[in-house]
Amino acid sequence: EPLQSFAVLFGLWSVHFIRGEFRTAYEDAEQIMGRARRASDPSFLLFAHDALGNNSYNMGKLTSAREHLEATISLYDPERDGVHATRLVVVDPKANCLGYLGLALWNLGFPDQALKRGREAVAFAQALQHPHSLAAAGYFLSLIYEFRGEARAALETAESVATESARHGFGLWSSLAKIQHGWAMVELGLGQQGGIVEMNEGLRDYHATGAGIGQPYFLSLLAEAHERTGRFEDGLRTLREVLAI
């Protein structure tokens, strides 16, 4: 049955993607796109672009990521593809892709457009009244603030994500919010040792979920926090761990 078959393949891609197995996930995403084109189903096509956009960003294929993410947003029909209408995803595809598009735009050299998209993602998720989408969009926005060097805004946004995640038991977003919040505390000089402890707690909780999508980056943030606090050997040890990964 086409929908069930498509859902299984999309679920398989999701597992490989969240585990950080990007090459395997990309092969899954290409299969998803092939099925979507053969089916000529706009909903299938939207989720194919969603998968390829997410995957491409995390493999550093930024131009391709932008194209796929923008295609997802343009194809989106809330009555057909919204998180309240489909069982394929737990984060609304438009909220997710607006957030990821913000990250891609920053890396492509458009910091103001990145912030605009990140804020759109949060506003859209708030309007949906869907907590999981809001936690995801909030986390992406906190990353954009971090990239822009706006540590105070990153701190406040991470606190919102942590509150939402604690209320609903979102272990993944809770762990990511801890990493983000701890980094911002160090960056702002607000209890720097406590910030490093929080980052380590977040990394431990993140690892326990089985996710691996951003582990090298999160450890690099920890190394930066060690550098900020004069713990150079700890920072170098952490970077060697990153390079090994």
Protein backbone atom coordinates (compact mmCIF):
# COMPACT_ATOMS: atom_id res chain seq x y z
CA GLU A 1 0.00 0.00 0.00
CA PRO A 2 1.72 3.20 -1.17
CA LEU A 3 1.11 5.38 1.90
CA GLN A 4 2.20 2.68 4.36
CA SER A 5 5.26 1.84 2.28
CA PHE A 6 6.19 5.51 2.06
CA ALA A 7 5.68 5.97 5.81
CA VAL A 8 7.98 3.04 6.60
CA LEU A 9 10.74 4.39 4.36
CA PHE A 10 10.36 7.88 5.83
CA GLY A 11 10.57 6.38 9.33
CA LEU A 12 13.73 4.49 8.36
CA TRP A 13 15.27 7.73 7.07
CA SER A 14 14.32 9.47 10.34
CA VAL A 15 16.13 6.87 12.46
CA HIS A 16 19.34 7.00 10.40
CA PHE A 17 19.19 10.80 10.30
CA ILE A 18 18.74 11.35 14.05
CA ARG A 19 21.51 8.83 14.74
CA GLY A 20 23.83 10.96 12.59
CA GLU A 21 24.24 8.28 9.91
CA PHE A 22 24.00 10.86 7.16
CA ARG A 23 25.24 8.89 4.15
CA THR A 24 22.79 6.06 4.78
CA ALA A 25 20.03 8.56 5.54
CA TYR A 26 20.77 10.42 2.30
CA GLU A 27 20.34 7.19 0.33
CA ASP A 28 16.98 6.70 2.07
CA ALA A 29 15.99 10.30 1.23
CA GLU A 30 16.84 9.76 -2.45
CA GLN A 31 14.62 6.66 -2.46
CA ILE A 32 11.84 8.72 -0.86
CA MET A 33 12.20 11.33 -3.61
CA GLY A 34 12.11 8.63 -6.30
CA ARG A 35 8.87 7.19 -4.89
CA ALA A 36 7.35 10.65 -4.54
CA ARG A 37 8.05 11.48 -8.19
CA ARG A 38 6.64 8.17 -9.40
CA ALA A 39 3.52 8.64 -7.31
CA SER A 40 3.02 12.26 -8.45
CA ASP A 41 1.67 12.95 -4.97
CA PRO A 42 2.33 16.52 -3.73
CA SER A 43 2.33 15.39 -0.10
CA PHE A 44 4.91 12.67 -0.80
CA LEU A 45 6.98 15.24 -2.69
CA LEU A 46 6.87 17.67 0.24
CA PHE A 47 8.21 15.05 2.67
CA ALA A 48 10.89 14.02 0.16
CA HIS A 49 12.12 17.63 -0.04
CA ASP A 50 11.90 17.81 3.77
CA ALA A 51 14.15 14.76 4.16
CA LEU A 52 16.67 15.90 1.56
CA GLY A 53 16.73 19.43 2.96
CA ASN A 54 17.43 18.31 6.52
CA ASN A 55 19.99 15.77 5.35
CA SER A 56 21.76 18.13 2.96
CA TYR A 57 22.19 20.79 5.64
CA ASN A 58 23.84 18.34 8.02
CA MET A 59 26.19 17.14 5.26
CA GLY A 60 27.27 20.70 4.46
CA LYS A 61 25.42 20.81 1.12
CA LEU A 62 24.07 24.24 1.90
CA THR A 63 22.80 25.40 -1.50
CA SER A 64 20.99 22.10 -2.03
CA ALA A 65 19.61 22.29 1.51
CA ARG A 66 18.20 25.76 0.88
CA GLU A 67 16.51 24.64 -2.34
CA HIS A 68 14.87 21.59 -0.75
CA LEU A 69 13.79 23.46 2.39
CA GLU A 70 12.23 26.29 0.36
CA ALA A 71 10.47 23.70 -1.82
CA THR A 72 8.99 22.06 1.30
CA ILE A 73 7.67 25.40 2.55
CA SER A 74 6.16 26.28 -0.84
CA LEU A 75 4.44 22.87 -1.19
CA TYR A 76 3.06 22.86 2.37
CA ASP A 77 -0.69 22.55 2.78
CA PRO A 78 -1.72 22.68 6.47
CA GLU A 79 -4.85 20.62 5.89
CA ARG A 80 -2.89 17.89 4.13
CA ASP A 81 0.66 18.08 5.51
CA GLY A 82 0.35 19.75 8.91
CA VAL A 83 1.39 17.90 12.03
CA HIS A 84 -2.25 17.68 13.11
CA ALA A 85 -3.18 16.06 9.78
CA THR A 86 -0.44 13.46 9.21
CA ARG A 87 1.14 10.70 11.25
CA LEU A 88 4.43 10.86 9.34
CA VAL A 89 6.13 13.41 11.61
CA VAL A 90 6.14 14.67 15.20
CA VAL A 91 7.39 18.15 14.27
CA ASP A 92 5.35 20.13 11.77
CA PRO A 93 7.25 20.12 8.44
CA LYS A 94 6.85 23.84 7.84
CA ALA A 95 8.01 24.78 11.34
CA ASN A 96 10.93 22.37 11.00
CA CYS A 97 11.98 23.62 7.57
CA LEU A 98 11.70 27.29 8.52
CA GLY A 99 14.07 26.58 11.41
CA TYR A 100 16.51 24.60 9.29
CA LEU A 101 16.32 27.23 6.56
CA GLY A 102 17.40 29.81 9.14
CA LEU A 103 20.46 27.71 9.98
CA ALA A 104 21.30 27.24 6.30
CA LEU A 105 20.93 30.94 5.54
CA TRP A 106 23.32 31.89 8.35
CA ASN A 107 25.94 29.48 7.02
CA LEU A 108 25.43 30.86 3.50
CA GLY A 109 26.16 34.37 4.77
CA PHE A 110 22.69 35.86 5.32
CA PRO A 111 22.46 36.49 9.10
CA ASP A 112 19.44 38.80 8.98
CA GLN A 113 17.43 36.48 6.74
CA ALA A 114 18.44 33.62 9.04
CA LEU A 115 17.03 35.40 12.09
CA LYS A 116 13.84 36.29 10.23
CA ARG A 117 13.22 32.66 9.29
CA GLY A 118 14.05 31.42 12.78
CA ARG A 119 11.53 33.79 14.30
CA GLU A 120 8.94 32.79 11.69
CA ALA A 121 9.39 29.16 12.71
CA VAL A 122 8.66 29.95 16.36
CA ALA A 123 5.68 32.16 15.54
CA PHE A 124 4.25 29.49 13.23
CA ALA A 125 4.67 26.76 15.86
CA GLN A 126 3.03 28.97 18.49
CA ALA A 127 0.05 29.51 16.19
CA LEU A 128 -0.23 25.75 15.70
CA GLN A 129 -0.35 25.25 19.47
CA HIS A 130 1.82 22.17 19.01
CA PRO A 131 4.36 21.82 21.84
CA HIS A 132 6.81 19.51 20.08
CA SER A 133 7.03 21.79 17.04
CA LEU A 134 7.47 24.79 19.34
CA ALA A 135 10.34 23.12 21.23
CA ALA A 136 12.06 22.28 17.95
CA ALA A 137 11.58 25.75 16.46
CA GLY A 138 12.75 27.38 19.69
CA TYR A 139 15.91 25.29 19.71
CA PHE A 140 16.71 26.23 16.09
CA LEU A 141 16.19 29.89 16.95
CA SER A 142 18.55 29.62 19.93
CA LEU A 143 21.19 28.18 17.57
CA ILE A 144 20.75 31.10 15.18
CA TYR A 145 21.21 33.54 18.07
CA GLU A 146 24.33 31.64 19.09
CA PHE A 147 25.71 31.78 15.53
CA ARG A 148 25.06 35.53 15.46
CA GLY A 149 26.95 35.99 18.74
CA GLU A 150 23.79 37.05 20.61
CA ALA A 151 24.42 35.01 23.74
CA ARG A 152 21.76 36.69 25.88
CA ALA A 153 19.02 35.96 23.35
CA ALA A 154 20.34 32.40 22.97
CA LEU A 155 20.17 31.97 26.76
CA GLU A 156 16.61 33.23 27.05
CA THR A 157 15.40 31.15 24.10
CA ALA A 158 17.09 28.02 25.49
CA GLU A 159 15.30 28.63 28.81
CA SER A 160 11.97 28.69 26.97
CA VAL A 161 12.82 25.42 25.20
CA ALA A 162 13.84 23.84 28.53
CA THR A 163 10.56 24.90 30.15
CA GLU A 164 8.45 23.55 27.26
CA SER A 165 10.45 20.32 27.17
CA ALA A 166 10.16 19.73 30.92
CA ARG A 167 6.39 20.29 30.78
CA HIS A 168 5.92 17.64 28.08
CA GLY A 169 8.79 15.24 28.74
CA PHE A 170 10.75 15.97 25.55
CA GLY A 171 14.07 14.33 26.43
CA LEU A 172 15.84 15.23 23.18
CA TRP A 173 14.99 18.93 23.21
CA SER A 174 15.62 19.13 26.95
CA SER A 175 19.18 17.83 26.53
CA LEU A 176 19.87 20.21 23.65
CA ALA A 177 18.50 23.16 25.63
CA LYS A 178 20.90 22.32 28.48
CA ILE A 179 23.89 22.37 26.14
CA GLN A 180 22.76 25.67 24.65
CA HIS A 181 21.97 27.26 28.02
CA GLY A 182 25.27 26.15 29.53
CA TRP A 183 27.23 27.58 26.60
CA ALA A 184 25.45 30.93 26.94
CA MET A 185 26.15 31.05 30.68
CA VAL A 186 29.88 30.62 30.00
CA GLU A 187 29.82 33.13 27.16
CA LEU A 188 28.08 35.74 29.33
CA GLY A 189 30.24 35.04 32.39
CA LEU A 190 27.24 33.89 34.45
CA GLY A 191 28.50 31.07 36.65
CA GLN A 192 30.97 29.70 34.13
CA GLN A 193 31.75 26.52 36.04
CA GLY A 194 28.04 25.86 36.40
CA GLY A 195 27.65 26.39 32.66
CA ILE A 196 30.24 23.72 31.89
CA VAL A 197 28.55 21.32 34.31
CA GLU A 198 25.22 21.96 32.57
CA MET A 199 26.77 21.37 29.15
CA ASN A 200 28.19 18.04 30.32
CA GLU A 201 24.79 17.05 31.74
CA GLY A 202 23.14 17.96 28.46
CA LEU A 203 25.70 15.95 26.47
CA ARG A 204 25.17 12.94 28.75
CA ASP A 205 21.39 13.15 28.39
CA TYR A 206 21.69 13.64 24.64
CA HIS A 207 23.91 10.58 24.28
CA ALA A 208 21.39 8.54 26.28
CA THR A 209 18.69 9.23 23.66
CA GLY A 210 20.76 7.45 21.00
CA ALA A 211 20.90 10.59 18.85
CA GLY A 212 24.16 11.55 17.18
CA ILE A 213 23.17 14.25 14.75
CA GLY A 214 25.21 17.13 16.20
CA GLN A 215 27.62 15.49 18.63
CA PRO A 216 30.86 16.87 17.09
CA TYR A 217 29.44 20.39 17.12
CA PHE A 218 28.22 20.17 20.72
CA LEU A 219 31.59 18.90 21.87
CA SER A 220 33.24 21.78 19.99
CA LEU A 221 31.06 24.17 21.99
CA LEU A 222 32.24 22.46 25.18
CA ALA A 223 35.85 22.86 24.05
CA GLU A 224 35.18 26.56 23.47
CA ALA A 225 33.72 26.83 26.98
CA HIS A 226 36.86 25.21 28.41
CA GLU A 227 38.96 27.75 26.50
CA ARG A 228 36.89 30.64 27.82
CA THR A 229 37.53 29.49 31.39
CA GLY A 230 41.25 28.80 30.96
CA ARG A 231 40.93 25.01 31.00
CA PHE A 232 43.10 24.56 27.93
CA GLU A 233 44.05 20.90 28.42
CA ASP A 234 40.38 19.99 28.86
CA GLY A 235 39.60 21.93 25.70
CA LEU A 236 42.31 20.18 23.67
CA ARG A 237 41.24 16.77 24.97
CA THR A 238 37.66 17.51 23.93
CA LEU A 239 38.76 18.63 20.46
CA ARG A 240 40.77 15.43 20.00
CA GLU A 241 37.57 13.54 20.80
CA VAL A 242 35.72 15.61 18.20
CA LEU A 243 38.33 14.86 15.53
CA ALA A 244 38.12 11.15 16.31
CA ILE A 245 34.34 11.23 15.80
